[in-house]
Amino acid sequence: MFNLRGEYQFGKNMQNLRLAAGVKNVFNHEYFTRSPDNNSGMYVGMPRTFFVQGGMDF
């Protein structure tokens, strides 16, 4: 699985605004992952996912 993420920080004049965007599982590779609980199950992994993030200091 291959992920990409880019971020830009606008600086103090914009209250340290931060914007980021990315792609998880860029090549849409099918994979399996283990369950985080005690039942030891296996699940199909996350498909290609696009995301946008933002943050600001107050």
PDB file of N, CA and C in Angstrom:
ATOM      1  N   MET A   1       0.852  -1.172   0.000  1.00  0.00           N
ATOM      2  CA  MET A   1       0.000   0.000   0.000  1.00  0.00           C
ATOM      3  C   MET A   1       0.898   1.236   0.000  1.00  0.00           C
ATOM      4  N   PHE A   2       0.520   2.231  -0.760  1.00  0.00           N
ATOM      5  CA  PHE A   2       1.300   3.453  -0.912  1.00  0.00           C
ATOM      6  C   PHE A   2       0.380   4.644  -0.661  1.00  0.00           C
ATOM      7  N   ASN A   3       0.813   5.577   0.201  1.00  0.00           N
ATOM      8  CA  ASN A   3       0.022   6.757   0.548  1.00  0.00           C
ATOM      9  C   ASN A   3       0.770   8.020   0.156  1.00  0.00           C
ATOM     10  N   LEU A   4       0.030   9.083  -0.165  1.00  0.00           N
ATOM     11  CA  LEU A   4       0.603  10.400  -0.458  1.00  0.00           C
ATOM     12  C   LEU A   4      -0.120  11.451   0.368  1.00  0.00           C
ATOM     13  N   ARG A   5       0.641  12.460   0.840  1.00  0.00           N
ATOM     14  CA  ARG A   5       0.040  13.555   1.597  1.00  0.00           C
ATOM     15  C   ARG A   5       0.877  14.807   1.387  1.00  0.00           C
ATOM     16  N   GLY A   6       0.224  15.933   1.159  1.00  0.00           N
ATOM     17  CA  GLY A   6       0.901  17.214   1.025  1.00  0.00           C
ATOM     18  C   GLY A   6       0.252  18.227   1.948  1.00  0.00           C
ATOM     19  N   GLU A   7       1.055  19.143   2.491  1.00  0.00           N
ATOM     20  CA  GLU A   7       0.539  20.139   3.432  1.00  0.00           C
ATOM     21  C   GLU A   7       1.140  21.499   3.133  1.00  0.00           C
ATOM     22  N   TYR A   8       0.348  22.544   3.348  1.00  0.00           N
ATOM     23  CA  TYR A   8       0.842  23.913   3.223  1.00  0.00           C
ATOM     24  C   TYR A   8       0.471  24.671   4.492  1.00  0.00           C
ATOM     25  N   GLN A   9       1.447  25.398   5.059  1.00  0.00           N
ATOM     26  CA  GLN A   9       1.225  26.212   6.248  1.00  0.00           C
ATOM     27  C   GLN A   9       1.254  27.687   5.832  1.00  0.00           C
ATOM     28  N   PHE A  10       0.191  28.417   6.135  1.00  0.00           N
ATOM     29  CA  PHE A  10       0.052  29.796   5.695  1.00  0.00           C
ATOM     30  C   PHE A  10       0.804  30.798   6.556  1.00  0.00           C
ATOM     31  N   GLY A  11       1.171  30.450   7.779  1.00  0.00           N
ATOM     32  CA  GLY A  11       1.960  31.337   8.623  1.00  0.00           C
ATOM     33  C   GLY A  11       1.140  32.112   9.638  1.00  0.00           C
ATOM     34  N   LYS A  12       1.839  32.921  10.408  1.00  0.00           N
ATOM     35  CA  LYS A  12       1.224  33.645  11.532  1.00  0.00           C
ATOM     36  C   LYS A  12       0.216  34.704  11.104  1.00  0.00           C
ATOM     37  N   ASN A  13       0.364  35.287   9.928  1.00  0.00           N
ATOM     38  CA  ASN A  13      -0.588  36.318   9.503  1.00  0.00           C
ATOM     39  C   ASN A  13      -1.986  35.744   9.233  1.00  0.00           C
ATOM     40  N   MET A  14      -2.107  34.429   9.113  1.00  0.00           N
ATOM     41  CA  MET A  14      -3.418  33.771   8.946  1.00  0.00           C
ATOM     42  C   MET A  14      -3.667  32.778  10.078  1.00  0.00           C
ATOM     43  N   GLN A  15      -3.219  33.102  11.296  1.00  0.00           N
ATOM     44  CA  GLN A  15      -3.404  32.287  12.500  1.00  0.00           C
ATOM     45  C   GLN A  15      -2.889  30.858  12.312  1.00  0.00           C
ATOM     46  N   ASN A  16      -1.757  30.725  11.650  1.00  0.00           N
ATOM     47  CA  ASN A  16      -1.121  29.418  11.405  1.00  0.00           C
ATOM     48  C   ASN A  16      -2.063  28.409  10.742  1.00  0.00           C
ATOM     49  N   LEU A  17      -2.857  28.866   9.794  1.00  0.00           N
ATOM     50  CA  LEU A  17      -3.748  27.988   9.036  1.00  0.00           C
ATOM     51  C   LEU A  17      -2.922  26.931   8.320  1.00  0.00           C
ATOM     52  N   ARG A  18      -3.355  25.675   8.419  1.00  0.00           N
ATOM     53  CA  ARG A  18      -2.706  24.551   7.757  1.00  0.00           C
ATOM     54  C   ARG A  18      -3.752  23.793   6.935  1.00  0.00           C
ATOM     55  N   LEU A  19      -3.456  23.560   5.673  1.00  0.00           N
ATOM     56  CA  LEU A  19      -4.322  22.759   4.812  1.00  0.00           C
ATOM     57  C   LEU A  19      -3.516  21.616   4.241  1.00  0.00           C
ATOM     58  N   ALA A  20      -4.118  20.436   4.223  1.00  0.00           N
ATOM     59  CA  ALA A  20      -3.446  19.255   3.707  1.00  0.00           C
ATOM     60  C   ALA A  20      -4.436  18.443   2.879  1.00  0.00           C
ATOM     61  N   ALA A  21      -3.909  17.680   1.937  1.00  0.00           N
ATOM     62  CA  ALA A  21      -4.722  16.786   1.116  1.00  0.00           C
ATOM     63  C   ALA A  21      -3.883  15.570   0.778  1.00  0.00           C
ATOM     64  N   GLY A  22      -4.544  14.473   0.508  1.00  0.00           N
ATOM     65  CA  GLY A  22      -3.783  13.275   0.192  1.00  0.00           C
ATOM     66  C   GLY A  22      -4.650  12.149  -0.329  1.00  0.00           C
ATOM     67  N   VAL A  23      -3.974  11.033  -0.586  1.00  0.00           N
ATOM     68  CA  VAL A  23      -4.620   9.816  -1.073  1.00  0.00           C
ATOM     69  C   VAL A  23      -4.046   8.645  -0.291  1.00  0.00           C
ATOM     70  N   LYS A  24      -4.914   7.813   0.242  1.00  0.00           N
ATOM     71  CA  LYS A  24      -4.489   6.576   0.894  1.00  0.00           C
ATOM     72  C   LYS A  24      -4.732   5.424  -0.077  1.00  0.00           C
ATOM     73  N   ASN A  25      -3.816   4.480  -0.135  1.00  0.00           N
ATOM     74  CA  ASN A  25      -3.888   3.333  -1.046  1.00  0.00           C
ATOM     75  C   ASN A  25      -3.968   3.819  -2.498  1.00  0.00           C
ATOM     76  N   VAL A  26      -2.961   4.555  -2.928  1.00  0.00           N
ATOM     77  CA  VAL A  26      -2.933   5.225  -4.227  1.00  0.00           C
ATOM     78  C   VAL A  26      -3.242   4.278  -5.384  1.00  0.00           C
ATOM     79  N   PHE A  27      -2.687   3.079  -5.365  1.00  0.00           N
ATOM     80  CA  PHE A  27      -2.855   2.144  -6.481  1.00  0.00           C
ATOM     81  C   PHE A  27      -4.048   1.217  -6.297  1.00  0.00           C
ATOM     82  N   ASN A  28      -4.883   1.480  -5.278  1.00  0.00           N
ATOM     83  CA  ASN A  28      -6.083   0.698  -5.002  1.00  0.00           C
ATOM     84  C   ASN A  28      -5.775  -0.798  -4.885  1.00  0.00           C
ATOM     85  N   HIS A  29      -4.689  -1.116  -4.199  1.00  0.00           N
ATOM     86  CA  HIS A  29      -4.253  -2.494  -3.984  1.00  0.00           C
ATOM     87  C   HIS A  29      -5.171  -3.176  -2.971  1.00  0.00           C
ATOM     88  N   GLU A  30      -5.694  -4.357  -3.298  1.00  0.00           N
ATOM     89  CA  GLU A  30      -6.551  -5.090  -2.374  1.00  0.00           C
ATOM     90  C   GLU A  30      -5.674  -5.859  -1.392  1.00  0.00           C
ATOM     91  N   TYR A  31      -5.962  -5.709  -0.110  1.00  0.00           N
ATOM     92  CA  TYR A  31      -5.174  -6.382   0.930  1.00  0.00           C
ATOM     93  C   TYR A  31      -6.098  -6.728   2.091  1.00  0.00           C
ATOM     94  N   PHE A  32      -5.584  -7.520   3.006  1.00  0.00           N
ATOM     95  CA  PHE A  32      -6.346  -7.935   4.183  1.00  0.00           C
ATOM     96  C   PHE A  32      -5.635  -7.448   5.434  1.00  0.00           C
ATOM     97  N   THR A  33      -6.415  -7.161   6.462  1.00  0.00           N
ATOM     98  CA  THR A  33      -5.857  -6.693   7.724  1.00  0.00           C
ATOM     99  C   THR A  33      -6.514  -7.452   8.877  1.00  0.00           C
ATOM    100  N   ARG A  34      -5.860  -7.467  10.016  1.00  0.00           N
ATOM    101  CA  ARG A  34      -6.390  -8.163  11.180  1.00  0.00           C
ATOM    102  C   ARG A  34      -7.340  -7.272  11.956  1.00  0.00           C
ATOM    103  N   SER A  35      -8.256  -7.903  12.669  1.00  0.00           N
ATOM    104  CA  SER A  35      -9.171  -7.194  13.540  1.00  0.00           C
ATOM    105  C   SER A  35      -8.407  -6.677  14.763  1.00  0.00           C
ATOM    106  N   PRO A  36      -8.692  -5.459  15.204  1.00  0.00           N
ATOM    107  CA  PRO A  36      -7.993  -4.927  16.381  1.00  0.00           C
ATOM    108  C   PRO A  36      -8.495  -5.498  17.708  1.00  0.00           C
ATOM    109  N   ASP A  37      -9.601  -6.214  17.699  1.00  0.00           N
ATOM    110  CA  ASP A  37     -10.111  -6.760  18.949  1.00  0.00           C
ATOM    111  C   ASP A  37      -9.668  -8.215  19.135  1.00  0.00           C
ATOM    112  N   ASN A  38     -10.254  -8.922  20.054  1.00  0.00           N
ATOM    113  CA  ASN A  38      -9.804 -10.273  20.415  1.00  0.00           C
ATOM    114  C   ASN A  38     -10.365 -11.393  19.550  1.00  0.00           C
ATOM    115  N   ASN A  39     -11.193 -11.111  18.548  1.00  0.00           N
ATOM    116  CA  ASN A  39     -11.784 -12.210  17.777  1.00  0.00           C
ATOM    117  C   ASN A  39     -10.878 -12.698  16.643  1.00  0.00           C
ATOM    118  N   SER A  40      -9.724 -12.072  16.434  1.00  0.00           N
ATOM    119  CA  SER A  40      -8.720 -12.505  15.438  1.00  0.00           C
ATOM    120  C   SER A  40      -9.282 -12.621  14.028  1.00  0.00           C
ATOM    121  N   GLY A  41     -10.270 -11.812  13.688  1.00  0.00           N
ATOM    122  CA  GLY A  41     -10.842 -11.839  12.353  1.00  0.00           C
ATOM    123  C   GLY A  41      -9.954 -11.124  11.346  1.00  0.00           C
ATOM    124  N   MET A  42     -10.216 -11.397  10.068  1.00  0.00           N
ATOM    125  CA  MET A  42      -9.512 -10.715   8.988  1.00  0.00           C
ATOM    126  C   MET A  42     -10.536  -9.943   8.168  1.00  0.00           C
ATOM    127  N   TYR A  43     -10.130  -8.739   7.752  1.00  0.00           N
ATOM    128  CA  TYR A  43     -11.015  -7.871   6.988  1.00  0.00           C
ATOM    129  C   TYR A  43     -10.300  -7.402   5.723  1.00  0.00           C
ATOM    130  N   VAL A  44     -11.089  -7.081   4.709  1.00  0.00           N
ATOM    131  CA  VAL A  44     -10.521  -6.464   3.512  1.00  0.00           C
ATOM    132  C   VAL A  44     -10.062  -5.065   3.904  1.00  0.00           C
ATOM    133  N   GLY A  45      -8.870  -4.672   3.460  1.00  0.00           N
ATOM    134  CA  GLY A  45      -8.314  -3.357   3.794  1.00  0.00           C
ATOM    135  C   GLY A  45      -9.051  -2.223   3.108  1.00  0.00           C
ATOM    136  N   MET A  46      -8.730  -1.014   3.514  1.00  0.00           N
ATOM    137  CA  MET A  46      -9.379   0.191   3.013  1.00  0.00           C
ATOM    138  C   MET A  46      -9.098   0.398   1.519  1.00  0.00           C
ATOM    139  N   PRO A  47     -10.120   0.709   0.715  1.00  0.00           N
ATOM    140  CA  PRO A  47      -9.891   1.014  -0.701  1.00  0.00           C
ATOM    141  C   PRO A  47      -9.252   2.393  -0.857  1.00  0.00           C
ATOM    142  N   ARG A  48      -8.965   2.803  -2.079  1.00  0.00           N
ATOM    143  CA  ARG A  48      -8.406   4.134  -2.330  1.00  0.00           C
ATOM    144  C   ARG A  48      -9.317   5.182  -1.701  1.00  0.00           C
ATOM    145  N   THR A  49      -8.701   6.081  -0.944  1.00  0.00           N
ATOM    146  CA  THR A  49      -9.443   7.092  -0.207  1.00  0.00           C
ATOM    147  C   THR A  49      -8.760   8.444  -0.365  1.00  0.00           C
ATOM    148  N   PHE A  50      -9.525   9.470  -0.717  1.00  0.00           N
ATOM    149  CA  PHE A  50      -9.015  10.835  -0.821  1.00  0.00           C
ATOM    150  C   PHE A  50      -9.426  11.582   0.444  1.00  0.00           C
ATOM    151  N   PHE A  51      -8.553  12.455   0.946  1.00  0.00           N
ATOM    152  CA  PHE A  51      -8.890  13.200   2.152  1.00  0.00           C
ATOM    153  C   PHE A  51      -8.351  14.618   2.089  1.00  0.00           C
ATOM    154  N   VAL A  52      -9.002  15.494   2.871  1.00  0.00           N
ATOM    155  CA  VAL A  52      -8.590  16.892   3.035  1.00  0.00           C
ATOM    156  C   VAL A  52      -8.606  17.181   4.530  1.00  0.00           C
ATOM    157  N   GLN A  53      -7.573  17.865   5.022  1.00  0.00           N
ATOM    158  CA  GLN A  53      -7.476  18.211   6.435  1.00  0.00           C
ATOM    159  C   GLN A  53      -7.231  19.704   6.577  1.00  0.00           C
ATOM    160  N   GLY A  54      -7.645  20.263   7.684  1.00  0.00           N
ATOM    161  CA  GLY A  54      -7.392  21.663   7.966  1.00  0.00           C
ATOM    162  C   GLY A  54      -7.170  21.870   9.451  1.00  0.00           C
ATOM    163  N   GLY A  55      -6.388  22.867   9.799  1.00  0.00           N
ATOM    164  CA  GLY A  55      -6.148  23.192  11.192  1.00  0.00           C
ATOM    165  C   GLY A  55      -5.793  24.672  11.326  1.00  0.00           C
ATOM    166  N   MET A  56      -6.074  25.216  12.536  1.00  0.00           N
ATOM    167  CA  MET A  56      -5.819  26.636  12.772  1.00  0.00           C
ATOM    168  C   MET A  56      -5.566  26.834  14.256  1.00  0.00           C
ATOM    169  N   ASP A  57      -4.647  27.728  14.608  1.00  0.00           N
ATOM    170  CA  ASP A  57      -4.397  28.074  15.997  1.00  0.00           C
ATOM    171  C   ASP A  57      -5.352  29.185  16.422  1.00  0.00           C
ATOM    172  N   PHE A  58      -5.811  29.102  17.672  1.00  0.00           N
ATOM    173  CA  PHE A  58      -6.682  30.148  18.232  1.00  0.00           C
ATOM    174  C   PHE A  58      -5.983  30.838  19.355  1.00  0.00           C
TER     175      PHE A  58
END
